[in-house]
Amino acid sequence: MKTVRISLNSIDKVKSFVNELVHYSDVDFDLVSGRYVIDAKSIMGIFSLDLSKPIDLNIHADEGEMEDILSHLAPYII
C-alpha cells in the first residue's frame, strides 16, 4: 500500500480522477479525510468529503503496477 496526498478542488477534476481509477478494476483505492474512509471510485462518496483541503489516497496495488498508477495520477498529486 502507498499513500499520497491529492487535491480534487473542482467538479471536473473529480470526474476525470474517477475515470482514471476505473481503468484499474483489480486495485482498491481509498480516500481518507479525518475519520472518514471513502471508496475513491465512488463519485457520490467523494462529494461527501471536504474537497477544499488535500485528501490522502491509499493505493492498494502491487509494486509492479504502482509506477503506472502514480504516473496516471500525477496531475492530482500534490
N, C-alpha and C. Protein backbone atom coordinates (compact mmCIF):
# COMPACT_ATOMS: atom_id res chain seq x y z
N MET A 1 0.84 -1.18 0.00
CA MET A 1 0.00 0.00 0.00
C MET A 1 0.88 1.24 0.00
N LYS A 2 0.43 2.24 -0.73
CA LYS A 2 1.12 3.52 -0.77
C LYS A 2 0.09 4.61 -0.53
N THR A 3 0.48 5.66 0.20
CA THR A 3 -0.39 6.79 0.47
C THR A 3 0.19 8.05 -0.15
N VAL A 4 -0.64 8.79 -0.90
CA VAL A 4 -0.23 10.07 -1.49
C VAL A 4 -1.29 11.10 -1.16
N ARG A 5 -0.92 12.37 -1.15
CA ARG A 5 -1.87 13.46 -0.92
C ARG A 5 -2.32 13.98 -2.28
N ILE A 6 -3.63 14.15 -2.42
CA ILE A 6 -4.16 14.64 -3.68
C ILE A 6 -5.06 15.84 -3.44
N SER A 7 -5.30 16.57 -4.51
CA SER A 7 -6.22 17.70 -4.47
C SER A 7 -7.29 17.52 -5.53
N LEU A 8 -8.54 17.57 -5.12
CA LEU A 8 -9.69 17.45 -6.03
C LEU A 8 -10.58 18.66 -5.79
N ASN A 9 -10.13 19.83 -6.23
CA ASN A 9 -10.81 21.07 -5.89
C ASN A 9 -11.81 21.57 -6.94
N SER A 10 -12.18 20.71 -7.90
CA SER A 10 -13.21 21.11 -8.86
C SER A 10 -14.00 19.87 -9.29
N ILE A 11 -15.19 20.10 -9.80
CA ILE A 11 -16.04 19.00 -10.25
C ILE A 11 -15.39 18.26 -11.40
N ASP A 12 -14.77 18.99 -12.33
CA ASP A 12 -14.11 18.36 -13.47
C ASP A 12 -12.95 17.48 -13.03
N LYS A 13 -12.20 17.93 -12.02
CA LYS A 13 -11.09 17.11 -11.51
C LYS A 13 -11.60 15.82 -10.88
N VAL A 14 -12.71 15.90 -10.17
CA VAL A 14 -13.28 14.70 -9.55
C VAL A 14 -13.70 13.71 -10.62
N LYS A 15 -14.38 14.18 -11.66
CA LYS A 15 -14.83 13.28 -12.72
C LYS A 15 -13.66 12.64 -13.45
N SER A 16 -12.65 13.41 -13.80
CA SER A 16 -11.51 12.84 -14.51
C SER A 16 -10.70 11.91 -13.61
N PHE A 17 -10.62 12.23 -12.31
CA PHE A 17 -9.92 11.37 -11.35
C PHE A 17 -10.59 10.00 -11.27
N VAL A 18 -11.91 9.98 -11.13
CA VAL A 18 -12.64 8.70 -11.05
C VAL A 18 -12.49 7.93 -12.36
N ASN A 19 -12.53 8.62 -13.49
CA ASN A 19 -12.34 7.95 -14.78
C ASN A 19 -10.97 7.29 -14.89
N GLU A 20 -9.94 7.90 -14.31
CA GLU A 20 -8.60 7.29 -14.29
C GLU A 20 -8.60 6.02 -13.43
N LEU A 21 -9.26 6.07 -12.29
CA LEU A 21 -9.25 4.93 -11.36
C LEU A 21 -10.01 3.73 -11.91
N VAL A 22 -11.04 3.97 -12.71
CA VAL A 22 -11.87 2.89 -13.23
C VAL A 22 -11.05 1.95 -14.12
N HIS A 23 -9.97 2.44 -14.71
CA HIS A 23 -9.11 1.60 -15.55
C HIS A 23 -8.41 0.49 -14.75
N TYR A 24 -8.33 0.67 -13.44
CA TYR A 24 -7.66 -0.30 -12.57
C TYR A 24 -8.71 -1.06 -11.77
N SER A 25 -9.41 -1.97 -12.43
CA SER A 25 -10.53 -2.67 -11.79
C SER A 25 -10.07 -3.61 -10.67
N ASP A 26 -8.83 -4.08 -10.72
CA ASP A 26 -8.35 -5.03 -9.71
C ASP A 26 -7.61 -4.35 -8.56
N VAL A 27 -7.60 -3.02 -8.52
CA VAL A 27 -6.89 -2.28 -7.48
C VAL A 27 -7.90 -1.52 -6.63
N ASP A 28 -7.69 -1.52 -5.31
CA ASP A 28 -8.56 -0.76 -4.41
C ASP A 28 -7.92 0.58 -4.09
N PHE A 29 -8.74 1.63 -4.12
CA PHE A 29 -8.31 2.98 -3.80
C PHE A 29 -9.23 3.51 -2.71
N ASP A 30 -8.65 4.06 -1.64
CA ASP A 30 -9.43 4.64 -0.55
C ASP A 30 -9.03 6.09 -0.35
N LEU A 31 -10.01 6.96 -0.17
CA LEU A 31 -9.75 8.35 0.20
C LEU A 31 -9.97 8.49 1.69
N VAL A 32 -9.01 9.10 2.38
CA VAL A 32 -9.09 9.25 3.83
C VAL A 32 -9.07 10.74 4.16
N SER A 33 -10.14 11.17 4.82
CA SER A 33 -10.26 12.57 5.25
C SER A 33 -10.73 12.55 6.69
N GLY A 34 -9.81 12.83 7.60
CA GLY A 34 -10.14 12.74 9.02
C GLY A 34 -10.48 11.32 9.40
N ARG A 35 -11.67 11.11 9.93
CA ARG A 35 -12.08 9.75 10.32
C ARG A 35 -12.88 9.03 9.25
N TYR A 36 -13.07 9.68 8.12
CA TYR A 36 -13.86 9.09 7.03
C TYR A 36 -12.95 8.38 6.02
N VAL A 37 -13.36 7.18 5.62
CA VAL A 37 -12.68 6.42 4.57
C VAL A 37 -13.71 6.13 3.49
N ILE A 38 -13.43 6.60 2.28
CA ILE A 38 -14.37 6.51 1.17
C ILE A 38 -13.72 5.74 0.03
N ASP A 39 -14.52 4.94 -0.66
CA ASP A 39 -14.05 4.28 -1.89
C ASP A 39 -13.80 5.37 -2.93
N ALA A 40 -12.56 5.47 -3.41
CA ALA A 40 -12.18 6.55 -4.33
C ALA A 40 -12.83 6.41 -5.70
N LYS A 41 -13.43 5.27 -6.01
CA LYS A 41 -14.11 5.09 -7.30
C LYS A 41 -15.57 5.54 -7.23
N SER A 42 -16.00 6.05 -6.07
CA SER A 42 -17.37 6.47 -5.87
C SER A 42 -17.47 8.00 -5.95
N ILE A 43 -18.08 8.49 -7.02
CA ILE A 43 -18.22 9.94 -7.18
C ILE A 43 -19.06 10.51 -6.04
N MET A 44 -20.15 9.85 -5.70
CA MET A 44 -21.00 10.34 -4.61
C MET A 44 -20.24 10.36 -3.28
N GLY A 45 -19.42 9.35 -3.05
CA GLY A 45 -18.62 9.33 -1.83
C GLY A 45 -17.63 10.48 -1.78
N ILE A 46 -16.99 10.76 -2.91
CA ILE A 46 -16.01 11.85 -2.96
C ILE A 46 -16.68 13.19 -2.65
N PHE A 47 -17.86 13.40 -3.20
CA PHE A 47 -18.54 14.67 -2.97
C PHE A 47 -19.05 14.82 -1.53
N SER A 48 -19.01 13.76 -0.74
CA SER A 48 -19.39 13.87 0.67
C SER A 48 -18.23 14.38 1.52
N LEU A 49 -17.03 14.48 0.93
CA LEU A 49 -15.85 14.95 1.65
C LEU A 49 -15.67 16.46 1.47
N ASP A 50 -14.84 17.05 2.34
CA ASP A 50 -14.47 18.46 2.22
C ASP A 50 -13.36 18.54 1.17
N LEU A 51 -13.70 18.97 -0.05
CA LEU A 51 -12.74 18.98 -1.15
C LEU A 51 -11.90 20.25 -1.19
N SER A 52 -12.09 21.15 -0.24
CA SER A 52 -11.27 22.37 -0.21
C SER A 52 -9.88 22.10 0.36
N LYS A 53 -9.70 20.94 0.98
CA LYS A 53 -8.41 20.56 1.57
C LYS A 53 -7.84 19.34 0.85
N PRO A 54 -6.52 19.17 0.91
CA PRO A 54 -5.93 17.94 0.34
C PRO A 54 -6.44 16.69 1.07
N ILE A 55 -6.51 15.58 0.33
CA ILE A 55 -7.03 14.33 0.85
C ILE A 55 -5.98 13.25 0.66
N ASP A 56 -5.90 12.31 1.59
CA ASP A 56 -4.98 11.17 1.46
C ASP A 56 -5.62 10.10 0.59
N LEU A 57 -4.85 9.59 -0.37
CA LEU A 57 -5.30 8.48 -1.22
C LEU A 57 -4.45 7.27 -0.89
N ASN A 58 -5.09 6.20 -0.43
CA ASN A 58 -4.41 4.93 -0.18
C ASN A 58 -4.58 4.05 -1.41
N ILE A 59 -3.46 3.61 -1.96
CA ILE A 59 -3.47 2.77 -3.15
C ILE A 59 -3.04 1.37 -2.74
N HIS A 60 -3.92 0.40 -2.93
CA HIS A 60 -3.64 -0.99 -2.57
C HIS A 60 -3.31 -1.76 -3.85
N ALA A 61 -2.04 -1.67 -4.27
CA ALA A 61 -1.62 -2.30 -5.53
C ALA A 61 -0.25 -2.93 -5.36
N ASP A 62 0.09 -3.81 -6.30
CA ASP A 62 1.42 -4.42 -6.32
C ASP A 62 2.45 -3.38 -6.74
N GLU A 63 3.70 -3.61 -6.35
CA GLU A 63 4.76 -2.69 -6.73
C GLU A 63 4.90 -2.55 -8.24
N GLY A 64 4.61 -3.61 -8.97
CA GLY A 64 4.72 -3.57 -10.43
C GLY A 64 3.74 -2.59 -11.06
N GLU A 65 2.55 -2.48 -10.49
CA GLU A 65 1.53 -1.57 -11.01
C GLU A 65 1.66 -0.16 -10.48
N MET A 66 2.33 -0.01 -9.35
CA MET A 66 2.35 1.27 -8.64
C MET A 66 2.91 2.41 -9.49
N GLU A 67 3.99 2.17 -10.21
CA GLU A 67 4.60 3.22 -11.02
C GLU A 67 3.64 3.72 -12.11
N ASP A 68 2.95 2.78 -12.75
CA ASP A 68 1.98 3.14 -13.79
C ASP A 68 0.82 3.95 -13.20
N ILE A 69 0.33 3.52 -12.06
CA ILE A 69 -0.78 4.22 -11.40
C ILE A 69 -0.36 5.64 -11.02
N LEU A 70 0.81 5.78 -10.42
CA LEU A 70 1.27 7.10 -9.99
C LEU A 70 1.48 8.03 -11.17
N SER A 71 1.92 7.50 -12.31
CA SER A 71 2.11 8.36 -13.48
C SER A 71 0.76 8.86 -14.01
N HIS A 72 -0.28 8.03 -13.96
CA HIS A 72 -1.60 8.47 -14.40
C HIS A 72 -2.26 9.43 -13.43
N LEU A 73 -1.91 9.33 -12.15
CA LEU A 73 -2.50 10.20 -11.13
C LEU A 73 -1.67 11.44 -10.83
N ALA A 74 -0.57 11.63 -11.54
CA ALA A 74 0.32 12.76 -11.30
C ALA A 74 -0.37 14.13 -11.29
N PRO A 75 -1.35 14.38 -12.17
CA PRO A 75 -1.99 15.72 -12.15
C PRO A 75 -2.74 16.03 -10.85
N TYR A 76 -3.06 15.01 -10.07
CA TYR A 76 -3.84 15.21 -8.85
C TYR A 76 -2.97 15.21 -7.60
N ILE A 77 -1.77 14.68 -7.71
CA ILE A 77 -0.89 14.55 -6.54
C ILE A 77 -0.24 15.89 -6.23
N ILE A 78 -0.24 16.23 -4.93
CA ILE A 78 0.39 17.48 -4.51
C ILE A 78 1.60 17.20 -3.66
